[in-house]
C-alpha atoms as a PDB file:
ATOM      1  CA  UNK A   1       0.097   0.058  -0.123  1.00  0.00           C
ATOM      2  CA  UNK A   2       2.914   2.628   0.870  1.00  0.00           C
ATOM      3  CA  UNK A   3       4.609   1.835  -2.774  1.00  0.00           C
ATOM      4  CA  UNK A   4       1.147   2.602  -4.182  1.00  0.00           C
ATOM      5  CA  UNK A   5       0.500   6.143  -1.994  1.00  0.00           C
ATOM      6  CA  UNK A   6       4.427   6.943  -2.869  1.00  0.00           C
ATOM      7  CA  UNK A   7       3.926   6.568  -6.636  1.00  0.00           C
ATOM      8  CA  UNK A   8       0.548   8.723  -6.336  1.00  0.00           C
ATOM      9  CA  UNK A   9       2.508  11.233  -4.758  1.00  0.00           C
ATOM     10  CA  UNK A  10       5.417  11.078  -6.998  1.00  0.00           C
ATOM     11  CA  UNK A  11       2.933  11.698  -9.857  1.00  0.00           C
ATOM     12  CA  UNK A  12       1.407  14.609  -7.951  1.00  0.00           C
ATOM     13  CA  UNK A  13       4.632  16.514  -6.748  1.00  0.00           C
ATOM     14  CA  UNK A  14       7.308  15.687  -9.074  1.00  0.00           C
ATOM     15  CA  UNK A  15       5.829  15.043 -12.422  1.00  0.00           C
ATOM     16  CA  UNK A  16       4.854  18.720 -13.018  1.00  0.00           C
ATOM     17  CA  UNK A  17       8.290  19.890 -11.664  1.00  0.00           C
ATOM     18  CA  UNK A  18       9.777  17.547 -14.470  1.00  0.00           C
ATOM     19  CA  UNK A  19       7.395  18.855 -17.305  1.00  0.00           C
ATOM     20  CA  UNK A  20       8.205  22.214 -16.177  1.00  0.00           C
ATOM     21  CA  UNK A  21      12.075  21.939 -16.470  1.00  0.00           C
ATOM     22  CA  UNK A  22      11.560  19.917 -20.093  1.00  0.00           C
ATOM     23  CA  UNK A  23       9.474  22.795 -21.259  1.00  0.00           C
ATOM     24  CA  UNK A  24      12.022  25.457 -20.150  1.00  0.00           C
ATOM     25  CA  UNK A  25      14.663  23.595 -21.899  1.00  0.00           C
ATOM     26  CA  UNK A  26      12.825  23.350 -25.059  1.00  0.00           C
ATOM     27  CA  UNK A  27      12.271  27.007 -24.811  1.00  0.00           C
ATOM     28  CA  UNK A  28      15.780  27.777 -24.412  1.00  0.00           C
ATOM     29  CA  UNK A  29      16.909  25.660 -26.966  1.00  0.00           C
ATOM     30  CA  UNK A  30      14.266  27.232 -29.365  1.00  0.00           C
ATOM     31  CA  UNK A  31      15.430  30.590 -28.509  1.00  0.00           C
ATOM     32  CA  UNK A  32      19.047  29.764 -28.927  1.00  0.00           C
ATOM     33  CA  UNK A  33      18.880  28.145 -32.423  1.00  0.00           C
ATOM     34  CA  UNK A  34      16.077  30.091 -34.352  1.00  0.00           C
ATOM     35  CA  UNK A  35      16.981  31.530 -37.694  1.00  0.00           C
ATOM     36  CA  UNK A  36      17.912  35.148 -36.761  1.00  0.00           C
ATOM     37  CA  UNK A  37      20.823  37.154 -36.846  1.00  0.00           C
ATOM     38  CA  UNK A  38      21.270  39.090 -33.914  1.00  0.00           C
ATOM     39  CA  UNK A  39      23.518  42.049 -33.967  1.00  0.00           C
ATOM     40  CA  UNK A  40      24.103  44.108 -30.541  1.00  0.00           C
ATOM     41  CA  UNK A  41      25.819  47.274 -30.486  1.00  0.00           C
ATOM     42  CA  UNK A  42      27.018  47.578 -26.931  1.00  0.00           C
ATOM     43  CA  UNK A  43      26.838  50.632 -24.894  1.00  0.00           C
ATOM     44  CA  UNK A  44      30.264  50.718 -23.445  1.00  0.00           C
ATOM     45  CA  UNK A  45      30.594  54.498 -23.122  1.00  0.00           C
ATOM     46  CA  UNK A  46      33.683  56.133 -25.471  1.00  0.00           C
ATOM     47  CA  UNK A  47      34.387  53.169 -27.036  1.00  0.00           C
ATOM     48  CA  UNK A  48      33.313  50.449 -29.712  1.00  0.00           C
ATOM     49  CA  UNK A  49      31.625  47.040 -29.260  1.00  0.00           C
ATOM     50  CA  UNK A  50      29.502  45.025 -31.136  1.00  0.00           C
ATOM     51  CA  UNK A  51      28.293  41.505 -30.545  1.00  0.00           C
ATOM     52  CA  UNK A  52      26.730  39.226 -33.157  1.00  0.00           C
ATOM     53  CA  UNK A  53      25.309  36.087 -33.028  1.00  0.00           C
ATOM     54  CA  UNK A  54      24.633  33.761 -35.886  1.00  0.00           C
ATOM     55  CA  UNK A  55      21.496  31.467 -36.490  1.00  0.00           C
ATOM     56  CA  UNK A  56      23.692  28.771 -35.885  1.00  0.00           C
ATOM     57  CA  UNK A  57      24.307  30.010 -32.204  1.00  0.00           C
ATOM     58  CA  UNK A  58      28.005  31.321 -33.114  1.00  0.00           C
ATOM     59  CA  UNK A  59      29.090  34.293 -30.978  1.00  0.00           C
ATOM     60  CA  UNK A  60      31.296  37.075 -32.817  1.00  0.00           C
ATOM     61  CA  UNK A  61      32.587  40.050 -30.916  1.00  0.00           C
ATOM     62  CA  UNK A  62      34.031  43.064 -32.433  1.00  0.00           C
ATOM     63  CA  UNK A  63      36.020  45.117 -30.257  1.00  0.00           C
ATOM     64  CA  UNK A  64      35.040  45.483 -26.599  1.00  0.00           C
ATOM     65  CA  UNK A  65      35.440  48.952 -25.136  1.00  0.00           C
ATOM     66  CA  UNK A  66      37.927  50.169 -22.533  1.00  0.00           C
ATOM     67  CA  UNK A  67      36.600  48.365 -19.376  1.00  0.00           C
ATOM     68  CA  UNK A  68      34.774  46.108 -17.672  1.00  0.00           C
ATOM     69  CA  UNK A  69      31.599  47.676 -18.907  1.00  0.00           C
ATOM     70  CA  UNK A  70      31.402  45.199 -21.757  1.00  0.00           C
ATOM     71  CA  UNK A  71      30.826  42.409 -19.105  1.00  0.00           C
ATOM     72  CA  UNK A  72      27.797  44.068 -18.094  1.00  0.00           C
ATOM     73  CA  UNK A  73      26.460  44.767 -21.374  1.00  0.00           C
ATOM     74  CA  UNK A  74      26.948  40.984 -22.379  1.00  0.00           C
ATOM     75  CA  UNK A  75      25.233  39.929 -19.301  1.00  0.00           C
ATOM     76  CA  UNK A  76      22.022  41.756 -20.672  1.00  0.00           C
ATOM     77  CA  UNK A  77      22.170  40.100 -24.155  1.00  0.00           C
ATOM     78  CA  UNK A  78      24.226  36.484 -23.746  1.00  0.00           C
ATOM     79  CA  UNK A  79      22.221  33.552 -22.263  1.00  0.00           C
ATOM     80  CA  UNK A  80      23.905  32.755 -18.714  1.00  0.00           C
ATOM     81  CA  UNK A  81      24.689  29.043 -19.893  1.00  0.00           C
ATOM     82  CA  UNK A  82      26.651  30.652 -22.764  1.00  0.00           C
ATOM     83  CA  UNK A  83      30.408  30.593 -21.884  1.00  0.00           C
ATOM     84  CA  UNK A  84      32.271  30.733 -24.966  1.00  0.00           C
ATOM     85  CA  UNK A  85      32.911  33.623 -27.704  1.00  0.00           C
ATOM     86  CA  UNK A  86      33.633  31.904 -31.016  1.00  0.00           C
ATOM     87  CA  UNK A  87      35.656  35.058 -32.382  1.00  0.00           C
ATOM     88  CA  UNK A  88      37.214  38.331 -31.402  1.00  0.00           C
ATOM     89  CA  UNK A  89      37.801  40.691 -33.637  1.00  0.00           C
ATOM     90  CA  UNK A  90      39.986  43.773 -32.423  1.00  0.00           C
ATOM     91  CA  UNK A  91      39.503  46.163 -35.024  1.00  0.00           C
ATOM     92  CA  UNK A  92      42.819  48.232 -33.857  1.00  0.00           C
ATOM     93  CA  UNK A  93      44.926  48.546 -30.572  1.00  0.00           C
ATOM     94  CA  UNK A  94      43.456  51.595 -29.383  1.00  0.00           C
ATOM     95  CA  UNK A  95      42.581  51.092 -25.899  1.00  0.00           C
ATOM     96  CA  UNK A  96      38.552  52.100 -26.457  1.00  0.00           C
ATOM     97  CA  UNK A  97      38.442  49.484 -28.603  1.00  0.00           C
ATOM     98  CA  UNK A  98      40.295  46.767 -27.291  1.00  0.00           C
ATOM     99  CA  UNK A  99      41.198  46.977 -23.523  1.00  0.00           C
ATOM    100  CA  UNK A 100      37.957  45.669 -22.319  1.00  0.00           C
ATOM    101  CA  UNK A 101      38.838  42.150 -24.039  1.00  0.00           C
ATOM    102  CA  UNK A 102      41.063  41.248 -21.084  1.00  0.00           C
ATOM    103  CA  UNK A 103      37.870  41.214 -19.013  1.00  0.00           C
ATOM    104  CA  UNK A 104      35.966  39.183 -21.703  1.00  0.00           C
ATOM    105  CA  UNK A 105      39.060  36.708 -21.672  1.00  0.00           C
ATOM    106  CA  UNK A 106      38.737  36.141 -17.894  1.00  0.00           C
ATOM    107  CA  UNK A 107      35.070  35.270 -17.850  1.00  0.00           C
ATOM    108  CA  UNK A 108      34.677  33.304 -21.419  1.00  0.00           C
ATOM    109  CA  UNK A 109      36.239  30.877 -23.077  1.00  0.00           C
ATOM    110  CA  UNK A 110      37.460  32.301 -26.674  1.00  0.00           C
ATOM    111  CA  UNK A 111      38.299  30.200 -29.897  1.00  0.00           C
ATOM    112  CA  UNK A 112      40.283  32.869 -32.197  1.00  0.00           C
ATOM    113  CA  UNK A 113      41.292  36.441 -31.680  1.00  0.00           C
ATOM    114  CA  UNK A 114      41.888  38.619 -34.878  1.00  0.00           C
ATOM    115  CA  UNK A 115      43.912  41.513 -34.963  1.00  0.00           C
ATOM    116  CA  UNK A 116      44.928  44.197 -37.361  1.00  0.00           C
ATOM    117  CA  UNK A 117      48.647  43.807 -37.144  1.00  0.00           C
ATOM    118  CA  UNK A 118      50.890  41.075 -34.759  1.00  0.00           C
ATOM    119  CA  UNK A 119      53.903  43.546 -34.636  1.00  0.00           C
ATOM    120  CA  UNK A 120      52.203  46.622 -33.061  1.00  0.00           C
ATOM    121  CA  UNK A 121      53.859  47.537 -30.213  1.00  0.00           C
ATOM    122  CA  UNK A 122      50.897  48.114 -27.677  1.00  0.00           C
ATOM    123  CA  UNK A 123      50.810  47.421 -24.067  1.00  0.00           C
ATOM    124  CA  UNK A 124      46.857  46.190 -24.384  1.00  0.00           C
ATOM    125  CA  UNK A 125      47.507  44.178 -27.152  1.00  0.00           C
ATOM    126  CA  UNK A 126      50.529  42.780 -25.914  1.00  0.00           C
ATOM    127  CA  UNK A 127      48.822  41.646 -22.665  1.00  0.00           C
ATOM    128  CA  UNK A 128      45.518  40.530 -24.667  1.00  0.00           C
ATOM    129  CA  UNK A 129      48.395  38.142 -26.728  1.00  0.00           C
ATOM    130  CA  UNK A 130      49.808  36.900 -23.717  1.00  0.00           C
ATOM    131  CA  UNK A 131      46.646  35.876 -21.662  1.00  0.00           C
ATOM    132  CA  UNK A 132      45.138  34.217 -25.178  1.00  0.00           C
ATOM    133  CA  UNK A 133      48.270  32.415 -25.675  1.00  0.00           C
ATOM    134  CA  UNK A 134      48.281  31.130 -21.895  1.00  0.00           C
ATOM    135  CA  UNK A 135      44.690  29.820 -22.425  1.00  0.00           C
ATOM    136  CA  UNK A 136      45.276  28.243 -25.970  1.00  0.00           C
ATOM    137  CA  UNK A 137      43.365  31.016 -28.062  1.00  0.00           C
ATOM    138  CA  UNK A 138      44.581  31.448 -31.045  1.00  0.00           C
ATOM    139  CA  UNK A 139      45.759  35.147 -32.209  1.00  0.00           C
ATOM    140  CA  UNK A 140      45.710  35.558 -35.819  1.00  0.00           C
ATOM    141  CA  UNK A 141      46.606  38.640 -38.261  1.00  0.00           C
ATOM    142  CA  UNK A 142      43.427  39.497 -40.490  1.00  0.00           C
ATOM    143  CA  UNK A 143      43.978  41.226 -43.759  1.00  0.00           C
ATOM    144  CA  UNK A 144      41.965  42.297 -46.736  1.00  0.00           C
ATOM    145  CA  UNK A 145      40.772  39.205 -48.522  1.00  0.00           C
ATOM    146  CA  UNK A 146      40.335  36.943 -45.413  1.00  0.00           C
ATOM    147  CA  UNK A 147      36.850  35.135 -45.092  1.00  0.00           C
ATOM    148  CA  UNK A 148      35.060  33.271 -42.771  1.00  0.00           C
ATOM    149  CA  UNK A 149      31.355  31.497 -42.566  1.00  0.00           C
ATOM    150  CA  UNK A 150      29.048  30.460 -39.978  1.00  0.00           C
ATOM    151  CA  UNK A 151      26.277  28.609 -42.074  1.00  0.00           C
ATOM    152  CA  UNK A 152      24.586  31.345 -44.194  1.00  0.00           C
ATOM    153  CA  UNK A 153      26.441  34.089 -42.395  1.00  0.00           C
ATOM    154  CA  UNK A 154      29.575  35.627 -44.148  1.00  0.00           C
ATOM    155  CA  UNK A 155      32.085  38.186 -43.071  1.00  0.00           C
ATOM    156  CA  UNK A 156      34.688  39.350 -45.319  1.00  0.00           C
ATOM    157  CA  UNK A 157      37.928  41.527 -44.192  1.00  0.00           C
ATOM    158  CA  UNK A 158      37.892  44.479 -46.584  1.00  0.00           C
ATOM    159  CA  UNK A 159      40.902  46.273 -44.902  1.00  0.00           C
ATOM    160  CA  UNK A 160      43.764  46.478 -44.302  1.00  0.00           C
ATOM    161  CA  UNK A 161      45.873  45.311 -47.233  1.00  0.00           C
ATOM    162  CA  UNK A 162      48.655  43.218 -46.130  1.00  0.00           C
ATOM    163  CA  UNK A 163      51.344  45.163 -48.104  1.00  0.00           C
ATOM    164  CA  UNK A 164      50.346  48.556 -46.330  1.00  0.00           C
ATOM    165  CA  UNK A 165      50.640  47.614 -42.613  1.00  0.00           C
ATOM    166  CA  UNK A 166      53.744  49.047 -42.118  1.00  0.00           C
ATOM    167  CA  UNK A 167      52.785  52.343 -43.714  1.00  0.00           C
ATOM    168  CA  UNK A 168      49.400  53.195 -41.896  1.00  0.00           C
ATOM    169  CA  UNK A 169      48.756  54.154 -38.334  1.00  0.00           C
ATOM    170  CA  UNK A 170      46.817  52.250 -36.297  1.00  0.00           C
ATOM    171  CA  UNK A 171      43.414  53.819 -36.926  1.00  0.00           C
ATOM    172  CA  UNK A 172      44.214  53.842 -40.458  1.00  0.00           C
ATOM    173  CA  UNK A 173      44.725  50.096 -40.575  1.00  0.00           C
ATOM    174  CA  UNK A 174      41.645  49.533 -38.663  1.00  0.00           C
ATOM    175  CA  UNK A 175      39.953  46.243 -39.442  1.00  0.00           C
ATOM    176  CA  UNK A 176      36.857  46.549 -41.919  1.00  0.00           C
ATOM    177  CA  UNK A 177      34.391  43.766 -41.735  1.00  0.00           C
ATOM    178  CA  UNK A 178      31.293  43.347 -44.157  1.00  0.00           C
ATOM    179  CA  UNK A 179      29.001  41.044 -42.982  1.00  0.00           C
ATOM    180  CA  UNK A 180      26.117  39.382 -44.808  1.00  0.00           C
ATOM    181  CA  UNK A 181      23.263  36.940 -44.070  1.00  0.00           C
ATOM    182  CA  UNK A 182      21.244  36.288 -47.016  1.00  0.00           C
ATOM    183  CA  UNK A 183      20.135  39.413 -48.531  1.00  0.00           C
ATOM    184  CA  UNK A 184      20.827  41.521 -45.627  1.00  0.00           C
ATOM    185  CA  UNK A 185      24.443  43.078 -44.929  1.00  0.00           C
ATOM    186  CA  UNK A 186      26.086  45.441 -42.555  1.00  0.00           C
ATOM    187  CA  UNK A 187      29.511  46.974 -42.407  1.00  0.00           C
ATOM    188  CA  UNK A 188      31.729  47.647 -39.527  1.00  0.00           C
ATOM    189  CA  UNK A 189      34.562  50.259 -39.753  1.00  0.00           C
ATOM    190  CA  UNK A 190      36.637  50.469 -36.810  1.00  0.00           C
ATOM    191  CA  UNK A 191      38.099  53.765 -36.907  1.00  0.00           C
ATOM    192  CA  UNK A 192      39.363  54.193 -40.548  1.00  0.00           C
ATOM    193  CA  UNK A 193      39.746  57.773 -41.772  1.00  0.00           C
ATOM    194  CA  UNK A 194      38.484  59.381 -45.114  1.00  0.00           C
ATOM    195  CA  UNK A 195      41.699  58.346 -47.124  1.00  0.00           C
ATOM    196  CA  UNK A 196      40.562  54.914 -46.361  1.00  0.00           C
ATOM    197  CA  UNK A 197      37.052  55.239 -47.078  1.00  0.00           C
ATOM    198  CA  UNK A 198      38.141  56.308 -50.541  1.00  0.00           C
ATOM    199  CA  UNK A 199      40.722  53.442 -51.028  1.00  0.00           C
ATOM    200  CA  UNK A 200      37.703  51.195 -50.533  1.00  0.00           C
ATOM    201  CA  UNK A 201      35.641  52.848 -52.963  1.00  0.00           C
ATOM    202  CA  UNK A 202      38.358  53.281 -55.722  1.00  0.00           C
ATOM    203  CA  UNK A 203      38.868  49.407 -55.118  1.00  0.00           C
ATOM    204  CA  UNK A 204      35.399  49.171 -56.141  1.00  0.00           C
ATOM    205  CA  UNK A 205      34.800  46.956 -53.145  1.00  0.00           C
ATOM    206  CA  UNK A 206      30.806  46.197 -52.708  1.00  0.00           C
ATOM    207  CA  UNK A 207      30.120  47.733 -49.345  1.00  0.00           C
ATOM    208  CA  UNK A 208      26.596  48.665 -49.815  1.00  0.00           C
ATOM    209  CA  UNK A 209      24.539  47.978 -46.423  1.00  0.00           C
ATOM    210  CA  UNK A 210      21.621  48.482 -44.747  1.00  0.00           C
ATOM    211  CA  UNK A 211      23.377  49.165 -41.441  1.00  0.00           C
ATOM    212  CA  UNK A 212      26.811  50.923 -41.247  1.00  0.00           C
ATOM    213  CA  UNK A 213      28.716  51.445 -37.742  1.00  0.00           C
ATOM    214  CA  UNK A 214      30.154  54.784 -38.518  1.00  0.00           C
ATOM    215  CA  UNK A 215      33.834  55.026 -38.536  1.00  0.00           C
ATOM    216  CA  UNK A 216      35.715  56.635 -35.559  1.00  0.00           C
ATOM    217  CA  UNK A 217      32.638  57.464 -33.298  1.00  0.00           C
ATOM    218  CA  UNK A 218      31.604  59.790 -35.979  1.00  0.00           C
ATOM    219  CA  UNK A 219      34.732  61.950 -36.037  1.00  0.00           C
ATOM    220  CA  UNK A 220      35.291  64.912 -38.214  1.00  0.00           C
ATOM    221  CA  UNK A 221      38.159  63.010 -40.018  1.00  0.00           C
ATOM    222  CA  UNK A 222      35.689  60.298 -41.507  1.00  0.00           C
ATOM    223  CA  UNK A 223      32.302  59.870 -42.916  1.00  0.00           C
ATOM    224  CA  UNK A 224      32.838  61.649 -46.150  1.00  0.00           C
ATOM    225  CA  UNK A 225      29.870  62.084 -48.474  1.00  0.00           C
ATOM    226  CA  UNK A 226      31.334  60.195 -50.967  1.00  0.00           C
ATOM    227  CA  UNK A 227      31.706  56.982 -48.423  1.00  0.00           C
ATOM    228  CA  UNK A 228      27.937  57.592 -47.279  1.00  0.00           C
ATOM    229  CA  UNK A 229      26.669  57.660 -50.478  1.00  0.00           C
ATOM    230  CA  UNK A 230      28.778  54.368 -51.745  1.00  0.00           C
ATOM    231  CA  UNK A 231      27.817  52.366 -48.593  1.00  0.00           C
ATOM    232  CA  UNK A 232      24.084  53.805 -48.757  1.00  0.00           C
ATOM    233  CA  UNK A 233      22.873  52.586 -45.552  1.00  0.00           C
ATOM    234  CA  UNK A 234      19.358  52.698 -44.220  1.00  0.00           C
ATOM    235  CA  UNK A 235      20.568  53.000 -40.580  1.00  0.00           C
ATOM    236  CA  UNK A 236      23.908  54.360 -39.150  1.00  0.00           C
ATOM    237  CA  UNK A 237      25.163  53.434 -35.468  1.00  0.00           C
ATOM    238  CA  UNK A 238      27.476  56.022 -33.956  1.00  0.00           C
ATOM    239  CA  UNK A 239      29.084  54.451 -30.835  1.00  0.00           C
ATOM    240  CA  UNK A 240      30.496  57.210 -28.386  1.00  0.00           C
ATOM    241  CA  UNK A 241      30.188  58.062 -24.798  1.00  0.00           C
ATOM    242  CA  UNK A 242      27.730  60.567 -23.207  1.00  0.00           C
ATOM    243  CA  UNK A 243      29.499  64.278 -23.279  1.00  0.00           C
ATOM    244  CA  UNK A 244      33.001  62.774 -24.315  1.00  0.00           C
ATOM    245  CA  UNK A 245      35.829  64.873 -24.532  1.00  0.00           C
ATOM    246  CA  UNK A 246      36.389  64.344 -28.216  1.00  0.00           C
ATOM    247  CA  UNK A 247      32.867  65.894 -28.855  1.00  0.00           C
ATOM    248  CA  UNK A 248      32.229  62.595 -30.997  1.00  0.00           C
ATOM    249  CA  UNK A 249      30.149  62.669 -33.033  1.00  0.00           C
ATOM    250  CA  UNK A 250      31.234  65.938 -34.941  1.00  0.00           C
ATOM    251  CA  UNK A 251      28.408  68.289 -35.661  1.00  0.00           C
ATOM    252  CA  UNK A 252      29.420  68.322 -39.494  1.00  0.00           C
ATOM    253  CA  UNK A 253      29.065  64.348 -39.521  1.00  0.00           C
ATOM    254  CA  UNK A 254      25.604  64.818 -38.034  1.00  0.00           C
ATOM    255  CA  UNK A 255      24.733  67.611 -40.763  1.00  0.00           C
ATOM    256  CA  UNK A 256      26.160  65.098 -43.380  1.00  0.00           C
ATOM    257  CA  UNK A 257      23.558  62.261 -42.254  1.00  0.00           C
ATOM    258  CA  UNK A 258      21.121  64.615 -42.092  1.00  0.00           C
ATOM    259  CA  UNK A 259      21.638  66.297 -45.446  1.00  0.00           C
ATOM    260  CA  UNK A 260      21.572  62.636 -46.960  1.00  0.00           C
ATOM    261  CA  UNK A 261      18.213  61.611 -45.188  1.00  0.00           C
ATOM    262  CA  UNK A 262      19.991  58.636 -43.167  1.00  0.00           C
ATOM    263  CA  UNK A 263      18.466  57.562 -39.886  1.00  0.00           C
ATOM    264  CA  UNK A 264      21.128  57.031 -37.357  1.00  0.00           C
ATOM    265  CA  UNK A 265      21.357  55.939 -33.609  1.00  0.00           C
ATOM    266  CA  UNK A 266      23.691  56.896 -30.828  1.00  0.00           C
ATOM    267  CA  UNK A 267      24.689  54.678 -27.798  1.00  0.00           C
ATOM    268  CA  UNK A 268      25.297  57.942 -25.993  1.00  0.00           C
ATOM    269  CA  UNK A 269      21.718  58.847 -26.632  1.00  0.00           C
ATOM    270  CA  UNK A 270      19.868  55.188 -27.017  1.00  0.00           C
ATOM    271  CA  UNK A 271      22.118  53.154 -25.049  1.00  0.00           C
ATOM    272  CA  UNK A 272      22.452  49.408 -26.723  1.00  0.00           C
ATOM    273  CA  UNK A 273      21.173  49.256 -30.169  1.00  0.00           C
ATOM    274  CA  UNK A 274      19.802  45.784 -31.287  1.00  0.00           C
ATOM    275  CA  UNK A 275      18.924  44.381 -34.681  1.00  0.00           C
ATOM    276  CA  UNK A 276      17.190  40.949 -35.789  1.00  0.00           C
ATOM    277  CA  UNK A 277      16.947  39.723 -39.158  1.00  0.00           C
ATOM    278  CA  UNK A 278      15.840  36.754 -41.023  1.00  0.00           C
ATOM    279  CA  UNK A 279      18.065  37.716 -43.843  1.00  0.00           C
ATOM    280  CA  UNK A 280      15.557  39.795 -45.656  1.00  0.00           C
ATOM    281  CA  UNK A 281      13.827  42.083 -43.134  1.00  0.00           C
ATOM    282  CA  UNK A 282      14.856  43.561 -39.904  1.00  0.00           C
ATOM    283  CA  UNK A 283      13.769  45.445 -36.764  1.00  0.00           C
ATOM    284  CA  UNK A 284      15.574  47.836 -34.256  1.00  0.00           C
ATOM    285  CA  UNK A 285      15.426  47.582 -30.685  1.00  0.00           C
ATOM    286  CA  UNK A 286      16.731  50.556 -28.699  1.00  0.00           C
ATOM    287  CA  UNK A 287      17.445  50.258 -24.914  1.00  0.00           C
ATOM    288  CA  UNK A 288      16.496  53.976 -24.280  1.00  0.00           C
END
């Protein structure tokens, strides 16, 4: 009799709990493996950081800001059970782009680190290479022509050319990444300046994109009319800190966007800016 009672109690008390756990797991799996590409322009203050999650659940982090702010931002958009960043791209060695990655390396497993020049003598970059090597993470120099894929997601390195690494300063040889998922594309530009913008145009590189991360935080030295017209974005993202000492974005840059009728979002005003796309249509979500 007691065995029968125990079975009844098990069904009444534990079966609903087990069922709930299975349902939660199914929901989490569904969320993690949907067919949407996710892009998050993180609010890391005066700096850059963009997280890409592919439909195959690969995580790509492009830049990481200057401090541990990137961790709190990642905590808002990365599920708690995800412990790995598949690829980190440090567009160049400026601290407002890569120093925060040292905090990322402490918390996440990272498969590959891509940098613009392995020979750059920079304290933060040297420390990143040191920690990455200690963890068995590969550190690779990315140059024009490199490509990587994750299912239907493709990323092409458009800049810098390998034969110009010694001629350009660190901003000028920022990694430029063109990303595409089916019919949808977006362009990440680091801190390149107007000369590099013109070089891309003259090389007839196909960089038309729905979304453009504006070069160099919207500074006066980049975002020429020619470049903006060539990319022809629907939306521009300006990554900068509130009331920053550089006065980014520059008033002339904002005037260009207004004159061309290009809609823009700013992390200093709207906080984190997210996009979801099925490869054709997309929607945007802002934090503020």
